Amino acid sequence: MNQEKYIGMDVHQATISVAVMDSSGKLIMECILETKAATILEFIAGLRGTLSVTFEEGTSAAWLHDLLKAHVRHLVVCDPRRNALLKDGSKRPSCYTATSSMLCTTESTGCAP
């Protein structure tokens, strides 16, 4: 069984909206976390399998990148201006778009590892 999980985060000052998908693209979990290191690391530690995380570039991106890089296998910070999936007109939170982008190639989404 493939234990790969794709985690998209929509990061705000006080909270982070999180969506977790399995390797087939099925949404398996969504939640809202406090934007605090201990809370985020506790959430990540509770997930099993190989973890790939993505979130959009923003004011907390460098901090979150440094916090997570030792705890996940893949970490991608996306430039929302270049992310082609944001142009689909969807009203879903960007964590869905970010998670979906992990299922695509970085070349087609405009994301960079």
C-alpha atoms as a PDB file:
ATOM      1  CA  MET A   1       0.000   0.000   0.000  1.00  0.00           C
ATOM      2  CA  ASN A   2       1.334   3.445  -0.964  1.00  0.00           C
ATOM      3  CA  GLN A   3       1.565   5.638   2.129  1.00  0.00           C
ATOM      4  CA  GLU A   4       2.414   8.848   0.242  1.00  0.00           C
ATOM      5  CA  LYS A   5       0.495  11.870   1.514  1.00  0.00           C
ATOM      6  CA  TYR A   6       0.272  15.292  -0.101  1.00  0.00           C
ATOM      7  CA  ILE A   7      -0.349  18.192   2.254  1.00  0.00           C
ATOM      8  CA  GLY A   8      -1.425  21.625   1.087  1.00  0.00           C
ATOM      9  CA  MET A   9      -1.349  24.550   3.488  1.00  0.00           C
ATOM     10  CA  ASP A  10      -3.093  27.886   3.170  1.00  0.00           C
ATOM     11  CA  VAL A  11      -1.051  29.966   5.606  1.00  0.00           C
ATOM     12  CA  HIS A  12      -2.443  32.989   7.442  1.00  0.00           C
ATOM     13  CA  GLN A  13      -1.128  34.963  10.391  1.00  0.00           C
ATOM     14  CA  ALA A  14      -3.189  33.161  13.064  1.00  0.00           C
ATOM     15  CA  THR A  15      -4.273  29.930  11.352  1.00  0.00           C
ATOM     16  CA  ILE A  16      -3.338  27.467   8.627  1.00  0.00           C
ATOM     17  CA  SER A  17      -5.982  25.640   6.593  1.00  0.00           C
ATOM     18  CA  VAL A  18      -4.694  22.170   5.770  1.00  0.00           C
ATOM     19  CA  ALA A  19      -5.819  19.610   3.203  1.00  0.00           C
ATOM     20  CA  VAL A  20      -4.283  16.122   3.041  1.00  0.00           C
ATOM     21  CA  MET A  21      -4.623  13.897  -0.022  1.00  0.00           C
ATOM     22  CA  ASP A  22      -3.478  10.345  -0.616  1.00  0.00           C
ATOM     23  CA  SER A  23      -1.496   9.190  -3.655  1.00  0.00           C
ATOM     24  CA  SER A  24      -4.692   8.702  -5.687  1.00  0.00           C
ATOM     25  CA  GLY A  25      -5.735  12.334  -5.097  1.00  0.00           C
ATOM     26  CA  LYS A  26      -8.507  11.501  -2.622  1.00  0.00           C
ATOM     27  CA  LEU A  27      -9.019  14.117   0.099  1.00  0.00           C
ATOM     28  CA  ILE A  28      -8.485  12.224   3.347  1.00  0.00           C
ATOM     29  CA  MET A  29      -8.352  15.049   5.881  1.00  0.00           C
ATOM     30  CA  GLU A  30      -8.838  18.750   6.276  1.00  0.00           C
ATOM     31  CA  CYS A  31      -8.355  20.880   9.351  1.00  0.00           C
ATOM     32  CA  ILE A  32      -7.386  24.275  10.692  1.00  0.00           C
ATOM     33  CA  LEU A  33      -4.237  24.658  12.791  1.00  0.00           C
ATOM     34  CA  GLU A  34      -2.866  27.505  14.846  1.00  0.00           C
ATOM     35  CA  THR A  35       0.138  29.104  13.184  1.00  0.00           C
ATOM     36  CA  LYS A  36       2.435  27.956  15.984  1.00  0.00           C
ATOM     37  CA  ALA A  37       5.498  25.747  15.592  1.00  0.00           C
ATOM     38  CA  ALA A  38       4.489  23.206  18.243  1.00  0.00           C
ATOM     39  CA  THR A  39       0.988  22.779  16.808  1.00  0.00           C
ATOM     40  CA  ILE A  40       2.261  22.336  13.246  1.00  0.00           C
ATOM     41  CA  LEU A  41       4.966  19.833  14.229  1.00  0.00           C
ATOM     42  CA  GLU A  42       2.493  17.839  16.332  1.00  0.00           C
ATOM     43  CA  PHE A  43       0.160  17.607  13.330  1.00  0.00           C
ATOM     44  CA  ILE A  44       2.974  16.494  10.990  1.00  0.00           C
ATOM     45  CA  ALA A  45       4.228  13.929  13.522  1.00  0.00           C
ATOM     46  CA  GLY A  46       0.739  12.411  13.674  1.00  0.00           C
ATOM     47  CA  LEU A  47       0.679  11.599   9.963  1.00  0.00           C
ATOM     48  CA  ARG A  48       2.041   8.280   8.707  1.00  0.00           C
ATOM     49  CA  GLY A  49       3.873   7.635   5.470  1.00  0.00           C
ATOM     50  CA  THR A  50       5.971   9.743   3.136  1.00  0.00           C
ATOM     51  CA  LEU A  51       4.929  13.374   3.397  1.00  0.00           C
ATOM     52  CA  SER A  52       5.048  16.022   0.686  1.00  0.00           C
ATOM     53  CA  VAL A  53       4.065  19.545   1.720  1.00  0.00           C
ATOM     54  CA  THR A  54       3.330  22.593  -0.363  1.00  0.00           C
ATOM     55  CA  PHE A  55       2.202  26.115   0.409  1.00  0.00           C
ATOM     56  CA  GLU A  56       2.221  29.478  -1.296  1.00  0.00           C
ATOM     57  CA  GLU A  57       4.962  32.020  -0.951  1.00  0.00           C
ATOM     58  CA  GLY A  58       4.068  34.660   1.638  1.00  0.00           C
ATOM     59  CA  THR A  59       5.228  36.427   4.773  1.00  0.00           C
ATOM     60  CA  SER A  60       5.498  33.189   6.794  1.00  0.00           C
ATOM     61  CA  ALA A  61       6.958  31.040   3.997  1.00  0.00           C
ATOM     62  CA  ALA A  62      10.622  31.171   5.082  1.00  0.00           C
ATOM     63  CA  TRP A  63       9.740  30.417   8.705  1.00  0.00           C
ATOM     64  CA  LEU A  64       7.437  27.526   7.767  1.00  0.00           C
ATOM     65  CA  HIS A  65       9.956  26.135   5.273  1.00  0.00           C
ATOM     66  CA  ASP A  66      12.692  26.077   7.910  1.00  0.00           C
ATOM     67  CA  LEU A  67      10.331  24.519  10.456  1.00  0.00           C
ATOM     68  CA  LEU A  68       9.172  21.682   8.191  1.00  0.00           C
ATOM     69  CA  LYS A  69      12.196  20.793   6.045  1.00  0.00           C
ATOM     70  CA  ALA A  70      13.593  18.214   8.489  1.00  0.00           C
ATOM     71  CA  HIS A  71      10.195  16.551   9.011  1.00  0.00           C
ATOM     72  CA  VAL A  72       8.955  15.902   5.461  1.00  0.00           C
ATOM     73  CA  ARG A  73      10.353  14.262   2.348  1.00  0.00           C
ATOM     74  CA  HIS A  74       9.353  16.953  -0.162  1.00  0.00           C
ATOM     75  CA  LEU A  75       8.732  20.618   0.537  1.00  0.00           C
ATOM     76  CA  VAL A  76       7.570  22.988  -2.202  1.00  0.00           C
ATOM     77  CA  VAL A  77       6.860  26.704  -1.902  1.00  0.00           C
ATOM     78  CA  CYS A  78       4.735  27.934  -4.813  1.00  0.00           C
ATOM     79  CA  ASP A  79       4.658  31.369  -6.363  1.00  0.00           C
ATOM     80  CA  PRO A  80       0.902  32.005  -6.662  1.00  0.00           C
ATOM     81  CA  ARG A  81       1.427  34.348  -9.620  1.00  0.00           C
ATOM     82  CA  ARG A  82       2.971  31.488 -11.614  1.00  0.00           C
ATOM     83  CA  ASN A  83       0.787  28.646 -10.392  1.00  0.00           C
ATOM     84  CA  ALA A  84      -1.353  27.754 -13.402  1.00  0.00           C
ATOM     85  CA  LEU A  85      -3.883  25.860 -11.239  1.00  0.00           C
ATOM     86  CA  LEU A  86      -4.971  29.127  -9.602  1.00  0.00           C
ATOM     87  CA  LYS A  87      -6.304  30.326 -12.967  1.00  0.00           C
ATOM     88  CA  ASP A  88      -9.085  27.722 -13.107  1.00  0.00           C
ATOM     89  CA  GLY A  89     -11.648  30.035 -11.479  1.00  0.00           C
ATOM     90  CA  SER A  90     -12.177  27.689  -8.551  1.00  0.00           C
ATOM     91  CA  LYS A  91     -13.413  29.221  -5.299  1.00  0.00           C
ATOM     92  CA  ARG A  92     -11.852  26.447  -3.190  1.00  0.00           C
ATOM     93  CA  PRO A  93      -9.256  27.504  -0.607  1.00  0.00           C
ATOM     94  CA  SER A  94      -5.730  27.652  -1.954  1.00  0.00           C
ATOM     95  CA  CYS A  95      -4.725  24.633   0.170  1.00  0.00           C
ATOM     96  CA  TYR A  96      -6.769  22.499  -2.269  1.00  0.00           C
ATOM     97  CA  THR A  97      -4.966  24.055  -5.198  1.00  0.00           C
ATOM     98  CA  ALA A  98      -1.607  23.661  -3.498  1.00  0.00           C
ATOM     99  CA  THR A  99      -2.277  20.011  -2.654  1.00  0.00           C
ATOM    100  CA  SER A 100      -3.448  19.349  -6.201  1.00  0.00           C
ATOM    101  CA  SER A 101      -0.265  20.885  -7.527  1.00  0.00           C
ATOM    102  CA  MET A 102       1.759  18.261  -5.655  1.00  0.00           C
ATOM    103  CA  LEU A 103       0.029  15.630  -7.770  1.00  0.00           C
ATOM    104  CA  CYS A 104       1.204  17.366 -10.950  1.00  0.00           C
ATOM    105  CA  THR A 105       4.686  18.051 -12.210  1.00  0.00           C
ATOM    106  CA  THR A 106       6.452  21.118 -10.872  1.00  0.00           C
ATOM    107  CA  GLU A 107       7.008  22.262 -14.458  1.00  0.00           C
ATOM    108  CA  SER A 108       3.300  22.434 -15.244  1.00  0.00           C
ATOM    109  CA  THR A 109       2.325  24.256 -12.047  1.00  0.00           C
ATOM    110  CA  GLY A 110       5.074  26.840 -11.900  1.00  0.00           C
ATOM    111  CA  CYS A 111       6.192  25.594  -8.494  1.00  0.00           C
ATOM    112  CA  ALA A 112       9.777  25.176  -7.460  1.00  0.00           C
ATOM    113  CA  PRO A 113      11.146  22.830  -4.789  1.00  0.00           C
END
